[in-house]
Protein backbone atom coordinates (compact mmCIF):
# COMPACT_ATOMS: atom_id res chain seq x y z
CA UNK A 1 0.00 0.00 0.00
CA UNK A 2 1.16 3.50 -0.81
CA UNK A 3 0.43 6.73 1.04
CA UNK A 4 1.17 10.24 -0.21
CA UNK A 5 1.78 12.84 2.51
CA UNK A 6 1.52 16.56 1.69
CA UNK A 7 1.94 19.42 4.13
CA UNK A 8 3.37 22.91 3.98
CA UNK A 9 5.64 22.19 6.93
CA UNK A 10 8.47 19.74 6.31
CA UNK A 11 8.68 18.72 9.97
CA UNK A 12 5.04 17.60 9.98
CA UNK A 13 5.50 15.60 6.79
CA UNK A 14 8.63 13.96 8.20
CA UNK A 15 6.97 13.16 11.54
CA UNK A 16 3.91 11.63 9.88
CA UNK A 17 6.10 9.62 7.54
CA UNK A 18 8.10 8.22 10.47
CA UNK A 19 4.91 7.53 12.40
CA UNK A 20 3.32 5.61 9.52
CA UNK A 21 6.51 3.67 8.79
CA UNK A 22 6.78 2.62 12.45
CA UNK A 23 3.18 1.51 12.81
CA UNK A 24 2.56 0.15 9.33
CA UNK A 25 5.79 -1.41 8.04
CA UNK A 26 4.06 -2.59 4.85
CA UNK A 27 3.06 0.93 3.85
CA UNK A 28 5.28 2.71 1.35
CA UNK A 29 5.18 6.46 1.92
CA UNK A 30 6.12 9.39 -0.26
CA UNK A 31 6.12 12.83 1.27
CA UNK A 32 6.46 16.32 -0.13
CA UNK A 33 5.75 19.95 0.62
CA UNK A 34 5.43 20.73 -3.10
CA UNK A 35 2.04 20.49 -4.83
CA UNK A 36 3.52 20.15 -8.32
CA UNK A 37 5.53 17.12 -7.19
CA UNK A 38 2.43 15.69 -5.49
CA UNK A 39 0.38 16.04 -8.70
CA UNK A 40 3.13 14.44 -10.75
CA UNK A 41 3.32 11.51 -8.33
CA UNK A 42 -0.47 11.12 -8.39
CA UNK A 43 -0.40 11.21 -12.18
CA UNK A 44 2.30 8.52 -12.50
CA UNK A 45 1.69 6.24 -9.49
CA UNK A 46 -1.30 4.71 -7.73
CA UNK A 47 -1.75 5.72 -4.11
CA UNK A 48 -4.09 4.05 -1.64
CA UNK A 49 -4.39 7.16 0.51
CA UNK A 50 -3.50 10.85 0.35
CA UNK A 51 -2.97 12.66 3.64
CA UNK A 52 -2.88 16.39 3.10
CA UNK A 53 -3.08 19.63 4.97
CA UNK A 54 -5.87 21.69 3.50
CA UNK A 55 -4.21 25.06 4.07
CA UNK A 56 -0.58 24.90 3.02
CA UNK A 57 0.28 28.20 1.35
CA UNK A 58 -3.37 29.09 1.06
CA UNK A 59 -6.65 27.25 1.23
CA UNK A 60 -6.63 26.88 -2.54
CA UNK A 61 -3.72 24.41 -2.32
CA UNK A 62 -5.67 21.68 -0.55
CA UNK A 63 -8.81 22.31 -2.56
CA UNK A 64 -6.87 22.34 -5.82
CA UNK A 65 -5.23 19.00 -5.07
CA UNK A 66 -8.52 17.41 -3.97
CA UNK A 67 -10.19 18.71 -7.16
CA UNK A 68 -7.28 17.28 -9.17
CA UNK A 69 -7.78 13.85 -7.57
CA UNK A 70 -11.51 13.94 -8.29
CA UNK A 71 -11.23 15.27 -11.85
CA UNK A 72 -8.50 12.74 -12.66
CA UNK A 73 -10.83 9.98 -11.39
CA UNK A 74 -8.07 8.61 -9.17
CA UNK A 75 -10.58 7.13 -6.71
CA UNK A 76 -8.17 7.69 -3.85
CA UNK A 77 -9.32 8.45 -0.32
CA UNK A 78 -8.10 11.70 1.19
CA UNK A 79 -7.45 12.32 4.86
CA UNK A 80 -7.50 16.07 5.41
CA UNK A 81 -5.24 17.00 8.28
CA UNK A 82 -5.97 20.61 9.10
CA UNK A 83 -6.15 23.19 11.87
CA UNK A 84 -9.41 24.39 10.34
CA UNK A 85 -12.63 23.33 11.97
CA UNK A 86 -14.84 20.83 10.21
CA UNK A 87 -17.50 23.45 9.41
CA UNK A 88 -14.86 25.36 7.37
CA UNK A 89 -14.06 22.16 5.50
CA UNK A 90 -17.77 21.83 4.66
CA UNK A 91 -17.81 25.44 3.44
CA UNK A 92 -14.81 24.81 1.19
CA UNK A 93 -16.14 21.43 0.05
CA UNK A 94 -19.96 21.43 0.13
CA UNK A 95 -19.79 17.92 -1.39
CA UNK A 96 -17.29 16.62 1.22
CA UNK A 97 -19.57 13.77 2.28
CA UNK A 98 -20.05 12.66 -1.34
CA UNK A 99 -16.42 11.54 -1.54
CA UNK A 100 -14.23 9.02 0.22
CA UNK A 101 -12.73 11.79 2.36
CA UNK A 102 -11.85 11.94 6.04
CA UNK A 103 -10.79 14.66 8.46
CA UNK A 104 -8.50 15.09 11.46
CA UNK A 105 -8.04 18.43 13.17
CA UNK A 106 -4.50 19.59 13.94
CA UNK A 107 -2.91 19.16 16.31
CA UNK A 108 -3.77 15.47 16.48
CA UNK A 109 -2.48 12.83 18.80
CA UNK A 110 -0.38 10.15 17.10
CA UNK A 111 -2.96 7.57 18.19
CA UNK A 112 -5.67 9.49 16.27
CA UNK A 113 -3.59 9.47 13.11
CA UNK A 114 -2.84 5.77 13.49
CA UNK A 115 -6.50 4.98 14.15
CA UNK A 116 -7.71 6.92 11.09
CA UNK A 117 -5.15 5.38 8.73
CA UNK A 118 -5.88 1.94 10.15
CA UNK A 119 -9.61 2.44 9.58
CA UNK A 120 -9.29 3.92 6.09
CA UNK A 121 -6.87 1.27 4.80
CA UNK A 122 -8.27 -1.62 6.87
CA UNK A 123 -4.86 -2.33 8.36
CA UNK A 124 -3.80 -3.33 11.83
CA UNK A 125 -0.98 -1.28 13.33
CA UNK A 126 2.20 -2.95 14.53
CA UNK A 127 1.48 -3.34 18.26
CA UNK A 128 5.18 -3.51 19.19
CA UNK A 129 5.74 -0.17 17.47
CA UNK A 130 2.83 1.21 19.46
CA UNK A 131 4.45 0.32 22.78
CA UNK A 132 7.90 1.52 21.73
CA UNK A 133 6.66 4.75 20.18
CA UNK A 134 4.65 5.83 23.19
CA UNK A 135 7.32 4.80 25.68
CA UNK A 136 9.85 6.92 23.79
CA UNK A 137 7.40 9.82 23.54
CA UNK A 138 7.02 9.92 27.34
CA UNK A 139 10.69 10.82 27.70
CA UNK A 140 10.16 14.21 26.04
C-alpha atoms as a PDB file:
ATOM      1  CA  UNK A   1       0.000   0.000   0.000  1.00  0.00           C
ATOM      2  CA  UNK A   2       1.160   3.499  -0.805  1.00  0.00           C
ATOM      3  CA  UNK A   3       0.431   6.729   1.039  1.00  0.00           C
ATOM      4  CA  UNK A   4       1.172  10.238  -0.214  1.00  0.00           C
ATOM      5  CA  UNK A   5       1.777  12.844   2.513  1.00  0.00           C
ATOM      6  CA  UNK A   6       1.522  16.557   1.689  1.00  0.00           C
ATOM      7  CA  UNK A   7       1.938  19.418   4.132  1.00  0.00           C
ATOM      8  CA  UNK A   8       3.368  22.909   3.976  1.00  0.00           C
ATOM      9  CA  UNK A   9       5.642  22.187   6.929  1.00  0.00           C
ATOM     10  CA  UNK A  10       8.472  19.741   6.307  1.00  0.00           C
ATOM     11  CA  UNK A  11       8.675  18.716   9.971  1.00  0.00           C
ATOM     12  CA  UNK A  12       5.041  17.597   9.985  1.00  0.00           C
ATOM     13  CA  UNK A  13       5.504  15.602   6.787  1.00  0.00           C
ATOM     14  CA  UNK A  14       8.628  13.957   8.205  1.00  0.00           C
ATOM     15  CA  UNK A  15       6.974  13.161  11.543  1.00  0.00           C
ATOM     16  CA  UNK A  16       3.909  11.634   9.882  1.00  0.00           C
ATOM     17  CA  UNK A  17       6.095   9.624   7.542  1.00  0.00           C
ATOM     18  CA  UNK A  18       8.098   8.222  10.472  1.00  0.00           C
ATOM     19  CA  UNK A  19       4.906   7.527  12.402  1.00  0.00           C
ATOM     20  CA  UNK A  20       3.322   5.607   9.522  1.00  0.00           C
ATOM     21  CA  UNK A  21       6.513   3.673   8.785  1.00  0.00           C
ATOM     22  CA  UNK A  22       6.782   2.625  12.446  1.00  0.00           C
ATOM     23  CA  UNK A  23       3.182   1.515  12.815  1.00  0.00           C
ATOM     24  CA  UNK A  24       2.561   0.153   9.331  1.00  0.00           C
ATOM     25  CA  UNK A  25       5.789  -1.406   8.043  1.00  0.00           C
ATOM     26  CA  UNK A  26       4.059  -2.593   4.854  1.00  0.00           C
ATOM     27  CA  UNK A  27       3.064   0.933   3.845  1.00  0.00           C
ATOM     28  CA  UNK A  28       5.282   2.713   1.355  1.00  0.00           C
ATOM     29  CA  UNK A  29       5.185   6.462   1.920  1.00  0.00           C
ATOM     30  CA  UNK A  30       6.122   9.391  -0.261  1.00  0.00           C
ATOM     31  CA  UNK A  31       6.123  12.832   1.274  1.00  0.00           C
ATOM     32  CA  UNK A  32       6.456  16.322  -0.131  1.00  0.00           C
ATOM     33  CA  UNK A  33       5.751  19.953   0.616  1.00  0.00           C
ATOM     34  CA  UNK A  34       5.435  20.727  -3.103  1.00  0.00           C
ATOM     35  CA  UNK A  35       2.044  20.489  -4.825  1.00  0.00           C
ATOM     36  CA  UNK A  36       3.524  20.153  -8.319  1.00  0.00           C
ATOM     37  CA  UNK A  37       5.527  17.124  -7.192  1.00  0.00           C
ATOM     38  CA  UNK A  38       2.429  15.686  -5.491  1.00  0.00           C
ATOM     39  CA  UNK A  39       0.382  16.042  -8.698  1.00  0.00           C
ATOM     40  CA  UNK A  40       3.133  14.436 -10.753  1.00  0.00           C
ATOM     41  CA  UNK A  41       3.317  11.509  -8.326  1.00  0.00           C
ATOM     42  CA  UNK A  42      -0.473  11.124  -8.392  1.00  0.00           C
ATOM     43  CA  UNK A  43      -0.401  11.207 -12.180  1.00  0.00           C
ATOM     44  CA  UNK A  44       2.299   8.525 -12.497  1.00  0.00           C
ATOM     45  CA  UNK A  45       1.686   6.240  -9.488  1.00  0.00           C
ATOM     46  CA  UNK A  46      -1.298   4.708  -7.732  1.00  0.00           C
ATOM     47  CA  UNK A  47      -1.749   5.720  -4.108  1.00  0.00           C
ATOM     48  CA  UNK A  48      -4.089   4.046  -1.644  1.00  0.00           C
ATOM     49  CA  UNK A  49      -4.393   7.161   0.512  1.00  0.00           C
ATOM     50  CA  UNK A  50      -3.499  10.846   0.351  1.00  0.00           C
ATOM     51  CA  UNK A  51      -2.968  12.659   3.639  1.00  0.00           C
ATOM     52  CA  UNK A  52      -2.883  16.386   3.101  1.00  0.00           C
ATOM     53  CA  UNK A  53      -3.075  19.631   4.973  1.00  0.00           C
ATOM     54  CA  UNK A  54      -5.873  21.695   3.495  1.00  0.00           C
ATOM     55  CA  UNK A  55      -4.211  25.055   4.066  1.00  0.00           C
ATOM     56  CA  UNK A  56      -0.580  24.896   3.016  1.00  0.00           C
ATOM     57  CA  UNK A  57       0.278  28.201   1.353  1.00  0.00           C
ATOM     58  CA  UNK A  58      -3.370  29.090   1.059  1.00  0.00           C
ATOM     59  CA  UNK A  59      -6.650  27.250   1.228  1.00  0.00           C
ATOM     60  CA  UNK A  60      -6.628  26.875  -2.537  1.00  0.00           C
ATOM     61  CA  UNK A  61      -3.720  24.406  -2.322  1.00  0.00           C
ATOM     62  CA  UNK A  62      -5.672  21.675  -0.554  1.00  0.00           C
ATOM     63  CA  UNK A  63      -8.807  22.310  -2.558  1.00  0.00           C
ATOM     64  CA  UNK A  64      -6.870  22.344  -5.817  1.00  0.00           C
ATOM     65  CA  UNK A  65      -5.231  19.002  -5.066  1.00  0.00           C
ATOM     66  CA  UNK A  66      -8.522  17.411  -3.975  1.00  0.00           C
ATOM     67  CA  UNK A  67     -10.188  18.709  -7.157  1.00  0.00           C
ATOM     68  CA  UNK A  68      -7.278  17.280  -9.171  1.00  0.00           C
ATOM     69  CA  UNK A  69      -7.784  13.854  -7.571  1.00  0.00           C
ATOM     70  CA  UNK A  70     -11.514  13.935  -8.295  1.00  0.00           C
ATOM     71  CA  UNK A  71     -11.233  15.270 -11.848  1.00  0.00           C
ATOM     72  CA  UNK A  72      -8.502  12.740 -12.662  1.00  0.00           C
ATOM     73  CA  UNK A  73     -10.826   9.982 -11.394  1.00  0.00           C
ATOM     74  CA  UNK A  74      -8.074   8.608  -9.170  1.00  0.00           C
ATOM     75  CA  UNK A  75     -10.575   7.131  -6.713  1.00  0.00           C
ATOM     76  CA  UNK A  76      -8.169   7.687  -3.854  1.00  0.00           C
ATOM     77  CA  UNK A  77      -9.324   8.449  -0.315  1.00  0.00           C
ATOM     78  CA  UNK A  78      -8.095  11.703   1.191  1.00  0.00           C
ATOM     79  CA  UNK A  79      -7.446  12.318   4.861  1.00  0.00           C
ATOM     80  CA  UNK A  80      -7.499  16.070   5.407  1.00  0.00           C
ATOM     81  CA  UNK A  81      -5.240  16.997   8.280  1.00  0.00           C
ATOM     82  CA  UNK A  82      -5.970  20.606   9.098  1.00  0.00           C
ATOM     83  CA  UNK A  83      -6.149  23.188  11.872  1.00  0.00           C
ATOM     84  CA  UNK A  84      -9.411  24.391  10.345  1.00  0.00           C
ATOM     85  CA  UNK A  85     -12.631  23.329  11.969  1.00  0.00           C
ATOM     86  CA  UNK A  86     -14.844  20.834  10.206  1.00  0.00           C
ATOM     87  CA  UNK A  87     -17.499  23.450   9.406  1.00  0.00           C
ATOM     88  CA  UNK A  88     -14.860  25.360   7.372  1.00  0.00           C
ATOM     89  CA  UNK A  89     -14.064  22.158   5.498  1.00  0.00           C
ATOM     90  CA  UNK A  90     -17.773  21.835   4.661  1.00  0.00           C
ATOM     91  CA  UNK A  91     -17.806  25.442   3.441  1.00  0.00           C
ATOM     92  CA  UNK A  92     -14.806  24.814   1.191  1.00  0.00           C
ATOM     93  CA  UNK A  93     -16.142  21.425   0.053  1.00  0.00           C
ATOM     94  CA  UNK A  94     -19.956  21.431   0.134  1.00  0.00           C
ATOM     95  CA  UNK A  95     -19.787  17.924  -1.387  1.00  0.00           C
ATOM     96  CA  UNK A  96     -17.286  16.616   1.225  1.00  0.00           C
ATOM     97  CA  UNK A  97     -19.569  13.768   2.278  1.00  0.00           C
ATOM     98  CA  UNK A  98     -20.048  12.663  -1.344  1.00  0.00           C
ATOM     99  CA  UNK A  99     -16.422  11.544  -1.540  1.00  0.00           C
ATOM    100  CA  UNK A 100     -14.229   9.021   0.216  1.00  0.00           C
ATOM    101  CA  UNK A 101     -12.728  11.791   2.363  1.00  0.00           C
ATOM    102  CA  UNK A 102     -11.852  11.944   6.044  1.00  0.00           C
ATOM    103  CA  UNK A 103     -10.790  14.661   8.461  1.00  0.00           C
ATOM    104  CA  UNK A 104      -8.496  15.091  11.456  1.00  0.00           C
ATOM    105  CA  UNK A 105      -8.041  18.432  13.167  1.00  0.00           C
ATOM    106  CA  UNK A 106      -4.495  19.585  13.942  1.00  0.00           C
ATOM    107  CA  UNK A 107      -2.913  19.156  16.306  1.00  0.00           C
ATOM    108  CA  UNK A 108      -3.766  15.473  16.480  1.00  0.00           C
ATOM    109  CA  UNK A 109      -2.476  12.832  18.801  1.00  0.00           C
ATOM    110  CA  UNK A 110      -0.378  10.154  17.101  1.00  0.00           C
ATOM    111  CA  UNK A 111      -2.962   7.574  18.186  1.00  0.00           C
ATOM    112  CA  UNK A 112      -5.672   9.485  16.273  1.00  0.00           C
ATOM    113  CA  UNK A 113      -3.594   9.469  13.108  1.00  0.00           C
ATOM    114  CA  UNK A 114      -2.836   5.768  13.486  1.00  0.00           C
ATOM    115  CA  UNK A 115      -6.499   4.980  14.147  1.00  0.00           C
ATOM    116  CA  UNK A 116      -7.714   6.916  11.087  1.00  0.00           C
ATOM    117  CA  UNK A 117      -5.149   5.378   8.733  1.00  0.00           C
ATOM    118  CA  UNK A 118      -5.884   1.938  10.147  1.00  0.00           C
ATOM    119  CA  UNK A 119      -9.608   2.440   9.584  1.00  0.00           C
ATOM    120  CA  UNK A 120      -9.292   3.920   6.091  1.00  0.00           C
ATOM    121  CA  UNK A 121      -6.874   1.273   4.802  1.00  0.00           C
ATOM    122  CA  UNK A 122      -8.269  -1.623   6.866  1.00  0.00           C
ATOM    123  CA  UNK A 123      -4.858  -2.325   8.360  1.00  0.00           C
ATOM    124  CA  UNK A 124      -3.803  -3.333  11.834  1.00  0.00           C
ATOM    125  CA  UNK A 125      -0.979  -1.283  13.326  1.00  0.00           C
ATOM    126  CA  UNK A 126       2.200  -2.952  14.534  1.00  0.00           C
ATOM    127  CA  UNK A 127       1.481  -3.343  18.261  1.00  0.00           C
ATOM    128  CA  UNK A 128       5.184  -3.510  19.186  1.00  0.00           C
ATOM    129  CA  UNK A 129       5.736  -0.168  17.468  1.00  0.00           C
ATOM    130  CA  UNK A 130       2.833   1.207  19.463  1.00  0.00           C
ATOM    131  CA  UNK A 131       4.453   0.317  22.781  1.00  0.00           C
ATOM    132  CA  UNK A 132       7.905   1.521  21.731  1.00  0.00           C
ATOM    133  CA  UNK A 133       6.660   4.747  20.184  1.00  0.00           C
ATOM    134  CA  UNK A 134       4.646   5.833  23.188  1.00  0.00           C
ATOM    135  CA  UNK A 135       7.317   4.801  25.679  1.00  0.00           C
ATOM    136  CA  UNK A 136       9.854   6.923  23.790  1.00  0.00           C
ATOM    137  CA  UNK A 137       7.400   9.821  23.543  1.00  0.00           C
ATOM    138  CA  UNK A 138       7.019   9.917  27.338  1.00  0.00           C
ATOM    139  CA  UNK A 139      10.686  10.818  27.695  1.00  0.00           C
ATOM    140  CA  UNK A 140      10.164  14.206  26.039  1.00  0.00           C
END
